[in-house]
Amino acid sequence: MPDGSSNAIPISVRLPADIVEKLDKVAAIMERPRSWVILDAIREYLADEGQEVLDIQASIEELDRGEGIPFEQVLEEMRRRVEEAEIKAKAAKDTAR
């Protein structure tokens, strides 16, 4: 197995010939088996886009449980922060004169 894992589960997938050709070229250049390249690609996907999908689903579930913050409360907080930033910017501008 590519990672030496004894609990690996074999799967079968059909891929277009051009993808297999590229996999084989990359594997040959890296002197790794095709399965190692595939596993590495899947891990990269799961760490990036796959994790984003999982995070979005977790957020949806939080909202479904009523754990979100009301939109009006978020807007009020943003208005307050913008107002504070404008006050600081004006003070810095006045100090610079």
N, C-alpha and C. Protein backbone atom coordinates (compact mmCIF):
# COMPACT_ATOMS: atom_id res chain seq x y z
N MET A 1 0.84 -1.18 0.00
CA MET A 1 0.00 0.00 0.00
C MET A 1 0.88 1.24 0.00
N PRO A 2 0.44 2.32 -0.62
CA PRO A 2 1.29 3.51 -0.74
C PRO A 2 1.74 4.09 0.58
N ASP A 3 0.92 4.03 1.61
CA ASP A 3 1.32 4.63 2.88
C ASP A 3 1.65 3.58 3.93
N GLY A 4 1.71 2.31 3.53
CA GLY A 4 2.04 1.24 4.46
C GLY A 4 0.91 0.90 5.40
N SER A 5 -0.28 1.42 5.15
CA SER A 5 -1.41 1.20 6.04
C SER A 5 -1.99 -0.20 5.84
N SER A 6 -2.17 -0.91 6.93
CA SER A 6 -2.75 -2.24 6.83
C SER A 6 -4.27 -2.20 6.85
N ASN A 7 -4.86 -1.04 7.14
CA ASN A 7 -6.32 -0.93 7.19
C ASN A 7 -6.87 -0.28 5.92
N ALA A 8 -6.08 -0.26 4.86
CA ALA A 8 -6.51 0.35 3.60
C ALA A 8 -7.59 -0.51 2.95
N ILE A 9 -8.55 0.17 2.35
CA ILE A 9 -9.65 -0.51 1.68
C ILE A 9 -9.48 -0.33 0.18
N PRO A 10 -9.41 -1.42 -0.56
CA PRO A 10 -9.27 -1.28 -2.00
C PRO A 10 -10.57 -0.77 -2.63
N ILE A 11 -10.43 0.14 -3.61
CA ILE A 11 -11.60 0.63 -4.34
C ILE A 11 -11.28 0.53 -5.83
N SER A 12 -12.31 0.61 -6.62
CA SER A 12 -12.13 0.58 -8.06
C SER A 12 -12.78 1.82 -8.64
N VAL A 13 -12.11 2.44 -9.60
CA VAL A 13 -12.64 3.64 -10.23
C VAL A 13 -12.28 3.60 -11.71
N ARG A 14 -13.20 4.06 -12.53
CA ARG A 14 -12.94 4.15 -13.96
C ARG A 14 -12.50 5.58 -14.28
N LEU A 15 -11.38 5.68 -14.98
CA LEU A 15 -10.83 6.98 -15.35
C LEU A 15 -10.64 7.06 -16.86
N PRO A 16 -10.77 8.26 -17.40
CA PRO A 16 -10.49 8.42 -18.84
C PRO A 16 -9.02 8.09 -19.12
N ALA A 17 -8.78 7.59 -20.32
CA ALA A 17 -7.43 7.17 -20.70
C ALA A 17 -6.41 8.29 -20.58
N ASP A 18 -6.80 9.53 -20.91
CA ASP A 18 -5.84 10.63 -20.83
C ASP A 18 -5.41 10.91 -19.39
N ILE A 19 -6.32 10.72 -18.44
CA ILE A 19 -5.97 10.92 -17.02
C ILE A 19 -5.00 9.82 -16.57
N VAL A 20 -5.28 8.59 -16.95
CA VAL A 20 -4.39 7.48 -16.57
C VAL A 20 -3.01 7.69 -17.17
N GLU A 21 -2.97 8.18 -18.41
CA GLU A 21 -1.68 8.44 -19.07
C GLU A 21 -0.88 9.48 -18.29
N LYS A 22 -1.55 10.55 -17.85
CA LYS A 22 -0.86 11.58 -17.07
C LYS A 22 -0.42 11.04 -15.72
N LEU A 23 -1.28 10.25 -15.08
CA LEU A 23 -0.91 9.63 -13.80
C LEU A 23 0.34 8.78 -13.96
N ASP A 24 0.37 7.98 -15.02
CA ASP A 24 1.53 7.11 -15.25
C ASP A 24 2.79 7.92 -15.51
N LYS A 25 2.68 9.02 -16.23
CA LYS A 25 3.86 9.87 -16.48
C LYS A 25 4.38 10.47 -15.19
N VAL A 26 3.46 10.99 -14.38
CA VAL A 26 3.86 11.59 -13.11
C VAL A 26 4.48 10.53 -12.21
N ALA A 27 3.84 9.37 -12.14
CA ALA A 27 4.37 8.29 -11.31
C ALA A 27 5.77 7.87 -11.75
N ALA A 28 5.98 7.78 -13.05
CA ALA A 28 7.30 7.39 -13.56
C ALA A 28 8.35 8.44 -13.21
N ILE A 29 8.01 9.70 -13.39
CA ILE A 29 8.96 10.78 -13.07
C ILE A 29 9.30 10.77 -11.59
N MET A 30 8.29 10.53 -10.75
CA MET A 30 8.50 10.55 -9.30
C MET A 30 9.02 9.22 -8.77
N GLU A 31 9.09 8.24 -9.65
CA GLU A 31 9.50 6.88 -9.27
C GLU A 31 8.63 6.35 -8.14
N ARG A 32 7.33 6.52 -8.33
CA ARG A 32 6.32 6.06 -7.37
C ARG A 32 5.28 5.24 -8.12
N PRO A 33 4.55 4.39 -7.42
CA PRO A 33 3.47 3.66 -8.08
C PRO A 33 2.29 4.60 -8.39
N ARG A 34 1.52 4.24 -9.38
CA ARG A 34 0.33 5.02 -9.75
C ARG A 34 -0.57 5.22 -8.53
N SER A 35 -0.75 4.19 -7.72
CA SER A 35 -1.63 4.30 -6.55
C SER A 35 -1.15 5.36 -5.57
N TRP A 36 0.17 5.56 -5.46
CA TRP A 36 0.71 6.59 -4.58
C TRP A 36 0.31 7.97 -5.08
N VAL A 37 0.41 8.19 -6.39
CA VAL A 37 0.05 9.47 -6.98
C VAL A 37 -1.43 9.75 -6.77
N ILE A 38 -2.26 8.74 -6.99
CA ILE A 38 -3.71 8.89 -6.81
C ILE A 38 -4.02 9.21 -5.35
N LEU A 39 -3.43 8.48 -4.43
CA LEU A 39 -3.67 8.72 -3.01
C LEU A 39 -3.23 10.12 -2.61
N ASP A 40 -2.09 10.56 -3.11
CA ASP A 40 -1.61 11.90 -2.81
C ASP A 40 -2.58 12.96 -3.34
N ALA A 41 -3.07 12.76 -4.55
CA ALA A 41 -4.02 13.71 -5.14
C ALA A 41 -5.32 13.76 -4.33
N ILE A 42 -5.80 12.61 -3.91
CA ILE A 42 -7.03 12.57 -3.11
C ILE A 42 -6.82 13.27 -1.77
N ARG A 43 -5.69 13.02 -1.15
CA ARG A 43 -5.41 13.70 0.13
C ARG A 43 -5.38 15.22 -0.04
N GLU A 44 -4.74 15.68 -1.10
CA GLU A 44 -4.69 17.12 -1.37
C GLU A 44 -6.10 17.69 -1.57
N TYR A 45 -6.91 16.98 -2.34
CA TYR A 45 -8.28 17.43 -2.59
C TYR A 45 -9.07 17.50 -1.28
N LEU A 46 -8.97 16.46 -0.47
CA LEU A 46 -9.71 16.42 0.79
C LEU A 46 -9.23 17.51 1.76
N ALA A 47 -7.96 17.84 1.72
CA ALA A 47 -7.44 18.89 2.60
C ALA A 47 -7.90 20.27 2.17
N ASP A 48 -8.22 20.43 0.90
CA ASP A 48 -8.60 21.74 0.37
C ASP A 48 -10.10 21.80 0.12
N GLU A 49 -10.53 21.43 -1.06
CA GLU A 49 -11.95 21.54 -1.43
C GLU A 49 -12.84 20.62 -0.59
N GLY A 50 -12.37 19.43 -0.33
CA GLY A 50 -13.16 18.51 0.49
C GLY A 50 -13.40 19.07 1.88
N GLN A 51 -12.38 19.67 2.47
CA GLN A 51 -12.54 20.25 3.80
C GLN A 51 -13.49 21.43 3.78
N GLU A 52 -13.45 22.20 2.70
CA GLU A 52 -14.37 23.33 2.57
C GLU A 52 -15.83 22.84 2.55
N VAL A 53 -16.08 21.76 1.82
CA VAL A 53 -17.42 21.18 1.78
C VAL A 53 -17.85 20.72 3.18
N LEU A 54 -16.95 20.07 3.89
CA LEU A 54 -17.26 19.61 5.25
C LEU A 54 -17.52 20.79 6.19
N ASP A 55 -16.73 21.85 6.06
CA ASP A 55 -16.92 23.04 6.91
C ASP A 55 -18.26 23.70 6.64
N ILE A 56 -18.63 23.80 5.37
CA ILE A 56 -19.92 24.39 5.02
C ILE A 56 -21.06 23.56 5.60
N GLN A 57 -20.96 22.25 5.47
CA GLN A 57 -22.01 21.38 6.01
C GLN A 57 -22.10 21.52 7.53
N ALA A 58 -20.96 21.61 8.21
CA ALA A 58 -20.97 21.79 9.66
C ALA A 58 -21.63 23.11 10.03
N SER A 59 -21.38 24.15 9.25
CA SER A 59 -22.00 25.46 9.51
C SER A 59 -23.51 25.40 9.30
N ILE A 60 -23.95 24.71 8.27
CA ILE A 60 -25.38 24.55 8.02
C ILE A 60 -26.03 23.82 9.19
N GLU A 61 -25.38 22.79 9.67
CA GLU A 61 -25.92 22.03 10.81
C GLU A 61 -25.99 22.90 12.07
N GLU A 62 -25.00 23.76 12.29
CA GLU A 62 -25.03 24.69 13.43
C GLU A 62 -26.23 25.62 13.31
N LEU A 63 -26.44 26.15 12.11
CA LEU A 63 -27.59 27.04 11.90
C LEU A 63 -28.90 26.30 12.13
N ASP A 64 -28.98 25.07 11.65
CA ASP A 64 -30.20 24.26 11.84
C ASP A 64 -30.48 24.02 13.33
N ARG A 65 -29.41 23.97 14.13
CA ARG A 65 -29.59 23.78 15.58
C ARG A 65 -29.85 25.11 16.30
N GLY A 66 -29.89 26.20 15.54
CA GLY A 66 -30.14 27.51 16.14
C GLY A 66 -28.93 28.13 16.79
N GLU A 67 -27.75 27.72 16.39
CA GLU A 67 -26.51 28.21 17.00
C GLU A 67 -25.91 29.41 16.27
N GLY A 68 -26.63 29.97 15.31
CA GLY A 68 -26.11 31.10 14.55
C GLY A 68 -26.34 32.42 15.28
N ILE A 69 -25.78 33.46 14.72
CA ILE A 69 -25.95 34.82 15.24
C ILE A 69 -26.93 35.53 14.32
N PRO A 70 -27.95 36.18 14.87
CA PRO A 70 -28.91 36.88 14.02
C PRO A 70 -28.22 37.90 13.11
N PHE A 71 -28.68 37.98 11.87
CA PHE A 71 -28.09 38.86 10.88
C PHE A 71 -28.07 40.31 11.35
N GLU A 72 -29.14 40.75 11.99
CA GLU A 72 -29.21 42.13 12.46
C GLU A 72 -28.11 42.42 13.48
N GLN A 73 -27.80 41.45 14.31
CA GLN A 73 -26.75 41.61 15.31
C GLN A 73 -25.38 41.73 14.63
N VAL A 74 -25.17 40.94 13.59
CA VAL A 74 -23.92 41.02 12.84
C VAL A 74 -23.79 42.38 12.18
N LEU A 75 -24.88 42.85 11.54
CA LEU A 75 -24.85 44.17 10.90
C LEU A 75 -24.54 45.27 11.90
N GLU A 76 -25.16 45.23 13.06
CA GLU A 76 -24.92 46.25 14.08
C GLU A 76 -23.46 46.25 14.53
N GLU A 77 -22.89 45.06 14.69
CA GLU A 77 -21.48 44.96 15.08
C GLU A 77 -20.58 45.54 13.99
N MET A 78 -20.90 45.25 12.73
CA MET A 78 -20.10 45.79 11.62
C MET A 78 -20.23 47.30 11.54
N ARG A 79 -21.42 47.83 11.74
CA ARG A 79 -21.61 49.29 11.75
C ARG A 79 -20.77 49.94 12.85
N ARG A 80 -20.78 49.31 14.03
CA ARG A 80 -20.01 49.83 15.16
C ARG A 80 -18.51 49.84 14.82
N ARG A 81 -18.02 48.76 14.24
CA ARG A 81 -16.60 48.68 13.91
C ARG A 81 -16.21 49.69 12.83
N VAL A 82 -17.07 49.86 11.84
CA VAL A 82 -16.79 50.85 10.79
C VAL A 82 -16.75 52.25 11.41
N GLU A 83 -17.70 52.54 12.28
CA GLU A 83 -17.73 53.85 12.93
C GLU A 83 -16.47 54.08 13.75
N GLU A 84 -16.03 53.08 14.50
CA GLU A 84 -14.79 53.20 15.29
C GLU A 84 -13.59 53.44 14.38
N ALA A 85 -13.53 52.71 13.26
CA ALA A 85 -12.41 52.87 12.32
C ALA A 85 -12.41 54.26 11.72
N GLU A 86 -13.59 54.78 11.40
CA GLU A 86 -13.68 56.14 10.84
C GLU A 86 -13.23 57.18 11.86
N ILE A 87 -13.60 56.99 13.12
CA ILE A 87 -13.18 57.92 14.18
C ILE A 87 -11.66 57.88 14.34
N LYS A 88 -11.08 56.69 14.34
CA LYS A 88 -9.61 56.56 14.46
C LYS A 88 -8.92 57.19 13.27
N ALA A 89 -9.46 56.98 12.07
CA ALA A 89 -8.84 57.54 10.87
C ALA A 89 -8.89 59.07 10.91
N LYS A 90 -9.99 59.60 11.35
CA LYS A 90 -10.13 61.06 11.46
C LYS A 90 -9.16 61.61 12.49
N ALA A 91 -9.03 60.91 13.63
CA ALA A 91 -8.11 61.34 14.68
C ALA A 91 -6.68 61.30 14.18
N ALA A 92 -6.31 60.27 13.43
CA ALA A 92 -4.95 60.16 12.90
C ALA A 92 -4.70 61.27 11.88
N LYS A 93 -5.70 61.58 11.09
CA LYS A 93 -5.56 62.64 10.10
C LYS A 93 -5.39 63.99 10.78
N ASP A 94 -6.18 64.24 11.84
CA ASP A 94 -6.08 65.50 12.59
C ASP A 94 -4.73 65.62 13.29
N THR A 95 -4.20 64.51 13.79
CA THR A 95 -2.91 64.51 14.47
C THR A 95 -1.79 64.80 13.50
N ALA A 96 -1.94 64.33 12.27
CA ALA A 96 -0.89 64.50 11.26
C ALA A 96 -0.79 65.95 10.79
N ARG A 97 -1.80 66.74 11.02
CA ARG A 97 -1.79 68.15 10.56
C ARG A 97 -0.96 69.01 11.42
